[in-house]
C-alpha atoms as a PDB file:
ATOM      1  CA  UNK A   1       0.000   0.000   0.000  1.00  0.00           C
ATOM      2  CA  UNK A   2       2.773   2.401   0.940  1.00  0.00           C
ATOM      3  CA  UNK A   3       4.736   1.507  -2.193  1.00  0.00           C
ATOM      4  CA  UNK A   4       1.770   2.220  -4.460  1.00  0.00           C
ATOM      5  CA  UNK A   5       1.091   5.580  -2.798  1.00  0.00           C
ATOM      6  CA  UNK A   6       4.698   6.654  -3.428  1.00  0.00           C
ATOM      7  CA  UNK A   7       5.522   4.940  -6.761  1.00  0.00           C
ATOM      8  CA  UNK A   8       2.313   3.889  -8.462  1.00  0.00           C
ATOM      9  CA  UNK A   9       2.450   0.483 -10.131  1.00  0.00           C
ATOM     10  CA  UNK A  10       6.180   0.607 -10.945  1.00  0.00           C
ATOM     11  CA  UNK A  11       7.924  -2.080  -8.909  1.00  0.00           C
ATOM     12  CA  UNK A  12       4.773  -4.080  -8.170  1.00  0.00           C
ATOM     13  CA  UNK A  13       4.182  -7.637  -9.309  1.00  0.00           C
ATOM     14  CA  UNK A  14       1.135  -9.878  -9.697  1.00  0.00           C
ATOM     15  CA  UNK A  15       1.367 -13.185  -7.870  1.00  0.00           C
ATOM     16  CA  UNK A  16      -0.839 -16.191  -7.346  1.00  0.00           C
ATOM     17  CA  UNK A  17      -1.409 -16.740  -3.627  1.00  0.00           C
ATOM     18  CA  UNK A  18      -1.069 -20.463  -4.308  1.00  0.00           C
ATOM     19  CA  UNK A  19       1.719 -21.022  -6.859  1.00  0.00           C
ATOM     20  CA  UNK A  20       0.439 -21.612 -10.370  1.00  0.00           C
ATOM     21  CA  UNK A  21       2.467 -24.832 -10.584  1.00  0.00           C
ATOM     22  CA  UNK A  22       0.480 -26.305  -7.692  1.00  0.00           C
ATOM     23  CA  UNK A  23      -2.834 -25.279  -9.233  1.00  0.00           C
ATOM     24  CA  UNK A  24      -1.901 -26.928 -12.541  1.00  0.00           C
ATOM     25  CA  UNK A  25      -0.705 -30.084 -10.754  1.00  0.00           C
ATOM     26  CA  UNK A  26      -3.993 -30.307  -8.860  1.00  0.00           C
ATOM     27  CA  UNK A  27      -5.942 -29.910 -12.097  1.00  0.00           C
ATOM     28  CA  UNK A  28      -3.866 -32.626 -13.794  1.00  0.00           C
ATOM     29  CA  UNK A  29      -4.378 -35.221 -11.042  1.00  0.00           C
ATOM     30  CA  UNK A  30      -8.032 -34.429 -10.335  1.00  0.00           C
ATOM     31  CA  UNK A  31     -11.178 -35.898 -11.769  1.00  0.00           C
ATOM     32  CA  UNK A  32     -12.033 -34.085 -14.961  1.00  0.00           C
ATOM     33  CA  UNK A  33     -15.505 -33.115 -13.835  1.00  0.00           C
ATOM     34  CA  UNK A  34     -16.866 -29.609 -13.969  1.00  0.00           C
ATOM     35  CA  UNK A  35     -17.482 -29.611 -10.202  1.00  0.00           C
ATOM     36  CA  UNK A  36     -13.931 -30.713  -9.366  1.00  0.00           C
ATOM     37  CA  UNK A  37     -12.296 -28.268 -11.758  1.00  0.00           C
ATOM     38  CA  UNK A  38     -14.464 -25.426 -10.466  1.00  0.00           C
ATOM     39  CA  UNK A  39     -13.661 -26.348  -6.857  1.00  0.00           C
ATOM     40  CA  UNK A  40      -9.906 -26.288  -7.480  1.00  0.00           C
ATOM     41  CA  UNK A  41     -10.032 -22.971  -9.325  1.00  0.00           C
ATOM     42  CA  UNK A  42     -12.503 -21.356  -6.936  1.00  0.00           C
ATOM     43  CA  UNK A  43     -10.525 -22.358  -3.859  1.00  0.00           C
ATOM     44  CA  UNK A  44      -6.937 -21.930  -5.008  1.00  0.00           C
ATOM     45  CA  UNK A  45      -6.893 -19.049  -7.500  1.00  0.00           C
ATOM     46  CA  UNK A  46      -6.457 -15.755  -5.646  1.00  0.00           C
ATOM     47  CA  UNK A  47      -4.591 -12.758  -7.055  1.00  0.00           C
ATOM     48  CA  UNK A  48      -2.039 -10.957  -4.929  1.00  0.00           C
ATOM     49  CA  UNK A  49      -0.036  -7.794  -5.581  1.00  0.00           C
ATOM     50  CA  UNK A  50       3.432  -7.655  -4.015  1.00  0.00           C
ATOM     51  CA  UNK A  51       6.447  -5.396  -4.252  1.00  0.00           C
ATOM     52  CA  UNK A  52       9.459  -6.615  -6.196  1.00  0.00           C
ATOM     53  CA  UNK A  53      11.323  -7.110  -2.881  1.00  0.00           C
ATOM     54  CA  UNK A  54       8.484  -9.268  -1.548  1.00  0.00           C
ATOM     55  CA  UNK A  55       8.408 -11.222  -4.818  1.00  0.00           C
ATOM     56  CA  UNK A  56      12.138 -11.915  -4.478  1.00  0.00           C
ATOM     57  CA  UNK A  57      11.657 -13.215  -0.917  1.00  0.00           C
ATOM     58  CA  UNK A  58       8.788 -15.427  -2.070  1.00  0.00           C
ATOM     59  CA  UNK A  59      10.836 -16.791  -4.959  1.00  0.00           C
ATOM     60  CA  UNK A  60      13.808 -17.554  -2.698  1.00  0.00           C
ATOM     61  CA  UNK A  61      11.809 -19.709  -0.301  1.00  0.00           C
ATOM     62  CA  UNK A  62       8.386 -20.571  -1.751  1.00  0.00           C
ATOM     63  CA  UNK A  63       8.503 -20.005  -5.529  1.00  0.00           C
ATOM     64  CA  UNK A  64       6.518 -23.090  -6.480  1.00  0.00           C
ATOM     65  CA  UNK A  65       5.773 -24.740  -3.131  1.00  0.00           C
ATOM     66  CA  UNK A  66       3.740 -24.071  -0.012  1.00  0.00           C
ATOM     67  CA  UNK A  67       4.753 -24.273   3.655  1.00  0.00           C
ATOM     68  CA  UNK A  68       1.740 -26.563   4.258  1.00  0.00           C
ATOM     69  CA  UNK A  69       0.520 -29.771   2.666  1.00  0.00           C
ATOM     70  CA  UNK A  70      -1.584 -29.067  -0.398  1.00  0.00           C
ATOM     71  CA  UNK A  71      -5.250 -28.798   0.368  1.00  0.00           C
ATOM     72  CA  UNK A  72      -8.169 -27.806  -1.837  1.00  0.00           C
ATOM     73  CA  UNK A  73      -9.539 -25.242   0.570  1.00  0.00           C
ATOM     74  CA  UNK A  74     -10.461 -21.598   0.865  1.00  0.00           C
ATOM     75  CA  UNK A  75      -8.953 -21.394   4.359  1.00  0.00           C
ATOM     76  CA  UNK A  76      -6.998 -18.173   4.650  1.00  0.00           C
ATOM     77  CA  UNK A  77      -4.289 -19.850   6.711  1.00  0.00           C
ATOM     78  CA  UNK A  78      -3.608 -22.100   3.706  1.00  0.00           C
ATOM     79  CA  UNK A  79      -4.109 -19.619   0.868  1.00  0.00           C
ATOM     80  CA  UNK A  80      -1.798 -17.018   2.406  1.00  0.00           C
ATOM     81  CA  UNK A  81       0.585 -19.496   4.096  1.00  0.00           C
ATOM     82  CA  UNK A  82       3.614 -18.296   2.087  1.00  0.00           C
ATOM     83  CA  UNK A  83       3.005 -14.688   3.094  1.00  0.00           C
ATOM     84  CA  UNK A  84       2.306 -15.578   6.715  1.00  0.00           C
ATOM     85  CA  UNK A  85       5.509 -17.667   6.864  1.00  0.00           C
ATOM     86  CA  UNK A  86       7.555 -14.721   5.558  1.00  0.00           C
ATOM     87  CA  UNK A  87       5.760 -12.320   7.932  1.00  0.00           C
ATOM     88  CA  UNK A  88       4.526 -10.130   5.087  1.00  0.00           C
ATOM     89  CA  UNK A  89       1.728  -7.663   5.708  1.00  0.00           C
ATOM     90  CA  UNK A  90      -1.544  -8.868   4.223  1.00  0.00           C
ATOM     91  CA  UNK A  91      -4.250  -6.465   3.113  1.00  0.00           C
ATOM     92  CA  UNK A  92      -7.672  -7.447   1.934  1.00  0.00           C
ATOM     93  CA  UNK A  93      -9.389  -4.940  -0.313  1.00  0.00           C
ATOM     94  CA  UNK A  94     -13.159  -4.982  -0.329  1.00  0.00           C
ATOM     95  CA  UNK A  95     -15.059  -2.390  -2.343  1.00  0.00           C
ATOM     96  CA  UNK A  96     -11.919  -0.253  -2.510  1.00  0.00           C
ATOM     97  CA  UNK A  97     -11.365  -0.257   1.264  1.00  0.00           C
ATOM     98  CA  UNK A  98      -8.105  -1.937   2.323  1.00  0.00           C
ATOM     99  CA  UNK A  99      -8.023  -3.748   5.647  1.00  0.00           C
ATOM    100  CA  UNK A 100      -4.647  -4.673   7.102  1.00  0.00           C
ATOM    101  CA  UNK A 101      -4.720  -8.103   8.647  1.00  0.00           C
ATOM    102  CA  UNK A 102      -2.465  -9.408  11.354  1.00  0.00           C
ATOM    103  CA  UNK A 103      -2.032 -13.003  12.495  1.00  0.00           C
ATOM    104  CA  UNK A 104      -5.284 -13.341  14.473  1.00  0.00           C
ATOM    105  CA  UNK A 105      -7.540 -11.259  12.190  1.00  0.00           C
ATOM    106  CA  UNK A 106      -6.240 -13.087   9.118  1.00  0.00           C
ATOM    107  CA  UNK A 107      -8.615 -15.899  10.089  1.00  0.00           C
ATOM    108  CA  UNK A 108     -11.524 -13.462   9.966  1.00  0.00           C
ATOM    109  CA  UNK A 109     -10.805 -13.049   6.258  1.00  0.00           C
ATOM    110  CA  UNK A 110     -12.119 -16.553   5.639  1.00  0.00           C
ATOM    111  CA  UNK A 111     -15.612 -15.172   6.153  1.00  0.00           C
ATOM    112  CA  UNK A 112     -15.131 -13.168   2.941  1.00  0.00           C
ATOM    113  CA  UNK A 113     -14.606 -16.308   0.824  1.00  0.00           C
END
């Protein structure tokens, strides 16, 4: 948030909260039913914007893996596990209003999904 206020979009990067490699792997090993495919995509595909420095930290430790066993779930503790592990600030933006989440309130976010 601070980066964007000062620099605009320069130096920001789009990420998948759950690495794209994991999403593809889950799709490849799953049943090829509409319900299963929708469940995987609905639960695991979440867009995240990070700074280039944050992206570098993610890539160094969790580029294509997760700190938890893979689960097809919308649980915030799973979806944002890489960010939580690296102690990155997490904001949830709803209707243009950002809310900064800390460790305990991050679980409240699950009510949004």
